[in-house]
Amino acid sequence: DLVFNNPHFYDYFFAASPIREVSSLNIGSRPAARKTITEIGGLRAI
């Protein structure tokens, strides 16, 4: 409920976490050639 039904969670998540910085690091074994994430449902877990 908190993640998917709160319209402000997406903005909070990107403001409170270093996800933008971490996503720009070259640390994965596969290329991160994914489209821009515009909603919580587009985030992927490891």
PDB file of N, CA and C in Angstrom:
ATOM      1  N   ASP A   1       0.815  -1.196   0.000  1.00  0.00           N
ATOM      2  CA  ASP A   1       0.000   0.000   0.000  1.00  0.00           C
ATOM      3  C   ASP A   1       0.860   1.262   0.000  1.00  0.00           C
ATOM      4  N   LEU A   2       1.849   1.313   0.862  1.00  0.00           N
ATOM      5  CA  LEU A   2       2.672   2.510   0.971  1.00  0.00           C
ATOM      6  C   LEU A   2       3.401   2.811  -0.336  1.00  0.00           C
ATOM      7  N   VAL A   3       3.920   1.793  -0.979  1.00  0.00           N
ATOM      8  CA  VAL A   3       4.702   2.006  -2.196  1.00  0.00           C
ATOM      9  C   VAL A   3       3.822   2.293  -3.399  1.00  0.00           C
ATOM     10  N   PHE A   4       2.830   1.481  -3.641  1.00  0.00           N
ATOM     11  CA  PHE A   4       2.052   1.601  -4.868  1.00  0.00           C
ATOM     12  C   PHE A   4       0.871   2.556  -4.776  1.00  0.00           C
ATOM     13  N   ASN A   5       0.333   2.786  -3.603  1.00  0.00           N
ATOM     14  CA  ASN A   5      -0.865   3.622  -3.487  1.00  0.00           C
ATOM     15  C   ASN A   5      -0.597   5.025  -2.963  1.00  0.00           C
ATOM     16  N   ASN A   6       0.643   5.367  -2.723  1.00  0.00           N
ATOM     17  CA  ASN A   6       0.986   6.710  -2.266  1.00  0.00           C
ATOM     18  C   ASN A   6       1.573   7.481  -3.448  1.00  0.00           C
ATOM     19  N   PRO A   7       0.890   8.498  -3.946  1.00  0.00           N
ATOM     20  CA  PRO A   7       1.370   9.219  -5.125  1.00  0.00           C
ATOM     21  C   PRO A   7       2.679   9.977  -4.891  1.00  0.00           C
ATOM     22  N   HIS A   8       3.087  10.155  -3.640  1.00  0.00           N
ATOM     23  CA  HIS A   8       4.307  10.898  -3.342  1.00  0.00           C
ATOM     24  C   HIS A   8       5.514   9.994  -3.096  1.00  0.00           C
ATOM     25  N   PHE A   9       5.309   8.686  -3.061  1.00  0.00           N
ATOM     26  CA  PHE A   9       6.402   7.778  -2.731  1.00  0.00           C
ATOM     27  C   PHE A   9       7.510   7.813  -3.774  1.00  0.00           C
ATOM     28  N   TYR A  10       7.171   7.885  -5.041  1.00  0.00           N
ATOM     29  CA  TYR A  10       8.171   7.910  -6.116  1.00  0.00           C
ATOM     30  C   TYR A  10       9.133   9.083  -5.922  1.00  0.00           C
ATOM     31  N   ASP A  11       8.588  10.269  -5.712  1.00  0.00           N
ATOM     32  CA  ASP A  11       9.426  11.454  -5.505  1.00  0.00           C
ATOM     33  C   ASP A  11      10.267  11.317  -4.241  1.00  0.00           C
ATOM     34  N   TYR A  12       9.670  10.797  -3.181  1.00  0.00           N
ATOM     35  CA  TYR A  12      10.398  10.591  -1.933  1.00  0.00           C
ATOM     36  C   TYR A  12      11.551   9.606  -2.139  1.00  0.00           C
ATOM     37  N   PHE A  13      11.291   8.501  -2.814  1.00  0.00           N
ATOM     38  CA  PHE A  13      12.309   7.477  -3.026  1.00  0.00           C
ATOM     39  C   PHE A  13      13.524   8.047  -3.741  1.00  0.00           C
ATOM     40  N   PHE A  14      13.296   8.810  -4.811  1.00  0.00           N
ATOM     41  CA  PHE A  14      14.413   9.358  -5.570  1.00  0.00           C
ATOM     42  C   PHE A  14      15.107  10.500  -4.828  1.00  0.00           C
ATOM     43  N   ALA A  15      14.418  11.191  -3.949  1.00  0.00           N
ATOM     44  CA  ALA A  15      15.038  12.261  -3.162  1.00  0.00           C
ATOM     45  C   ALA A  15      15.821  11.707  -1.973  1.00  0.00           C
ATOM     46  N   ALA A  16      15.360  10.601  -1.393  1.00  0.00           N
ATOM     47  CA  ALA A  16      15.951  10.082  -0.162  1.00  0.00           C
ATOM     48  C   ALA A  16      16.996   8.999  -0.382  1.00  0.00           C
ATOM     49  N   SER A  17      17.131   8.502  -1.590  1.00  0.00           N
ATOM     50  CA  SER A  17      18.090   7.428  -1.835  1.00  0.00           C
ATOM     51  C   SER A  17      19.102   7.856  -2.900  1.00  0.00           C
ATOM     52  N   PRO A  18      20.250   7.195  -2.948  1.00  0.00           N
ATOM     53  CA  PRO A  18      21.257   7.532  -3.963  1.00  0.00           C
ATOM     54  C   PRO A  18      21.049   6.758  -5.270  1.00  0.00           C
ATOM     55  N   ILE A  19      19.818   6.427  -5.601  1.00  0.00           N
ATOM     56  CA  ILE A  19      19.554   5.571  -6.761  1.00  0.00           C
ATOM     57  C   ILE A  19      20.087   6.162  -8.061  1.00  0.00           C
ATOM     58  N   ARG A  20      20.005   7.458  -8.239  1.00  0.00           N
ATOM     59  CA  ARG A  20      20.524   8.078  -9.470  1.00  0.00           C
ATOM     60  C   ARG A  20      22.041   7.921  -9.557  1.00  0.00           C
ATOM     61  N   GLU A  21      22.727   8.130  -8.458  1.00  0.00           N
ATOM     62  CA  GLU A  21      24.179   7.999  -8.448  1.00  0.00           C
ATOM     63  C   GLU A  21      24.601   6.546  -8.637  1.00  0.00           C
ATOM     64  N   VAL A  22      23.949   5.647  -7.943  1.00  0.00           N
ATOM     65  CA  VAL A  22      24.289   4.227  -8.047  1.00  0.00           C
ATOM     66  C   VAL A  22      24.016   3.711  -9.456  1.00  0.00           C
ATOM     67  N   SER A  23      22.939   4.159 -10.065  1.00  0.00           N
ATOM     68  CA  SER A  23      22.607   3.666 -11.403  1.00  0.00           C
ATOM     69  C   SER A  23      23.603   4.126 -12.458  1.00  0.00           C
ATOM     70  N   SER A  24      24.376   5.172 -12.178  1.00  0.00           N
ATOM     71  CA  SER A  24      25.358   5.636 -13.156  1.00  0.00           C
ATOM     72  C   SER A  24      26.710   4.937 -13.000  1.00  0.00           C
ATOM     73  N   LEU A  25      26.882   4.144 -11.952  1.00  0.00           N
ATOM     74  CA  LEU A  25      28.132   3.419 -11.748  1.00  0.00           C
ATOM     75  C   LEU A  25      28.217   2.222 -12.688  1.00  0.00           C
ATOM     76  N   ASN A  26      29.408   1.918 -13.130  1.00  0.00           N
ATOM     77  CA  ASN A  26      29.622   0.779 -14.021  1.00  0.00           C
ATOM     78  C   ASN A  26      30.032  -0.425 -13.174  1.00  0.00           C
ATOM     79  N   ILE A  27      29.070  -1.021 -12.470  1.00  0.00           N
ATOM     80  CA  ILE A  27      29.398  -2.108 -11.544  1.00  0.00           C
ATOM     81  C   ILE A  27      28.676  -3.415 -11.864  1.00  0.00           C
ATOM     82  N   GLY A  28      27.875  -3.437 -12.892  1.00  0.00           N
ATOM     83  CA  GLY A  28      27.106  -4.636 -13.198  1.00  0.00           C
ATOM     84  C   GLY A  28      27.783  -5.515 -14.221  1.00  0.00           C
ATOM     85  N   SER A  29      27.353  -6.760 -14.292  1.00  0.00           N
ATOM     86  CA  SER A  29      27.898  -7.678 -15.277  1.00  0.00           C
ATOM     87  C   SER A  29      27.148  -7.595 -16.598  1.00  0.00           C
ATOM     88  N   ARG A  30      26.014  -6.923 -16.582  1.00  0.00           N
ATOM     89  CA  ARG A  30      25.219  -6.753 -17.800  1.00  0.00           C
ATOM     90  C   ARG A  30      25.007  -5.264 -18.042  1.00  0.00           C
ATOM     91  N   PRO A  31      24.857  -4.880 -19.284  1.00  0.00           N
ATOM     92  CA  PRO A  31      24.613  -3.456 -19.560  1.00  0.00           C
ATOM     93  C   PRO A  31      23.262  -3.011 -19.020  1.00  0.00           C
ATOM     94  N   ALA A  32      23.216  -1.808 -18.527  1.00  0.00           N
ATOM     95  CA  ALA A  32      21.974  -1.256 -17.981  1.00  0.00           C
ATOM     96  C   ALA A  32      21.243  -0.475 -19.059  1.00  0.00           C
ATOM     97  N   ALA A  33      20.977  -1.108 -20.157  1.00  0.00           N
ATOM     98  CA  ALA A  33      20.296  -0.456 -21.274  1.00  0.00           C
ATOM     99  C   ALA A  33      18.795  -0.611 -21.107  1.00  0.00           C
ATOM    100  N   ARG A  34      18.272   0.123 -20.154  1.00  0.00           N
ATOM    101  CA  ARG A  34      16.836   0.084 -19.901  1.00  0.00           C
ATOM    102  C   ARG A  34      16.268   1.465 -20.120  1.00  0.00           C
ATOM    103  N   LYS A  35      14.988   1.508 -20.404  1.00  0.00           N
ATOM    104  CA  LYS A  35      14.339   2.797 -20.590  1.00  0.00           C
ATOM    105  C   LYS A  35      14.257   3.552 -19.267  1.00  0.00           C
ATOM    106  N   THR A  36      14.002   4.827 -19.349  1.00  0.00           N
ATOM    107  CA  THR A  36      13.893   5.666 -18.162  1.00  0.00           C
ATOM    108  C   THR A  36      12.736   5.214 -17.286  1.00  0.00           C
ATOM    109  N   ILE A  37      12.984   5.112 -16.013  1.00  0.00           N
ATOM    110  CA  ILE A  37      11.961   4.695 -15.051  1.00  0.00           C
ATOM    111  C   ILE A  37      11.124   5.903 -14.664  1.00  0.00           C
ATOM    112  N   THR A  38       9.814   5.764 -14.812  1.00  0.00           N
ATOM    113  CA  THR A  38       8.925   6.876 -14.467  1.00  0.00           C
ATOM    114  C   THR A  38       7.880   6.483 -13.434  1.00  0.00           C
ATOM    115  N   GLU A  39       7.966   5.269 -12.928  1.00  0.00           N
ATOM    116  CA  GLU A  39       7.029   4.840 -11.891  1.00  0.00           C
ATOM    117  C   GLU A  39       7.667   3.737 -11.063  1.00  0.00           C
ATOM    118  N   ILE A  40       7.163   3.518  -9.884  1.00  0.00           N
ATOM    119  CA  ILE A  40       7.722   2.529  -8.962  1.00  0.00           C
ATOM    120  C   ILE A  40       7.699   1.131  -9.565  1.00  0.00           C
ATOM    121  N   GLY A  41       6.685   0.793 -10.316  1.00  0.00           N
ATOM    122  CA  GLY A  41       6.589  -0.522 -10.931  1.00  0.00           C
ATOM    123  C   GLY A  41       7.719  -0.816 -11.905  1.00  0.00           C
ATOM    124  N   GLY A  42       8.416   0.209 -12.367  1.00  0.00           N
ATOM    125  CA  GLY A  42       9.520   0.024 -13.298  1.00  0.00           C
ATOM    126  C   GLY A  42      10.848  -0.279 -12.632  1.00  0.00           C
ATOM    127  N   LEU A  43      10.927  -0.139 -11.317  1.00  0.00           N
ATOM    128  CA  LEU A  43      12.164  -0.442 -10.610  1.00  0.00           C
ATOM    129  C   LEU A  43      12.381  -1.947 -10.572  1.00  0.00           C
ATOM    130  N   ARG A  44      13.640  -2.360 -10.647  1.00  0.00           N
ATOM    131  CA  ARG A  44      13.954  -3.779 -10.611  1.00  0.00           C
ATOM    132  C   ARG A  44      14.798  -4.086  -9.391  1.00  0.00           C
ATOM    133  N   ALA A  45      14.537  -5.206  -8.788  1.00  0.00           N
ATOM    134  CA  ALA A  45      15.312  -5.645  -7.626  1.00  0.00           C
ATOM    135  C   ALA A  45      16.466  -6.516  -8.085  1.00  0.00           C
ATOM    136  N   ILE A  46      17.470  -6.590  -7.261  1.00  0.00           N
ATOM    137  CA  ILE A  46      18.618  -7.451  -7.575  1.00  0.00           C
ATOM    138  C   ILE A  46      18.459  -8.740  -6.802  1.00  0.00           C
TER     139      ILE A  46
END
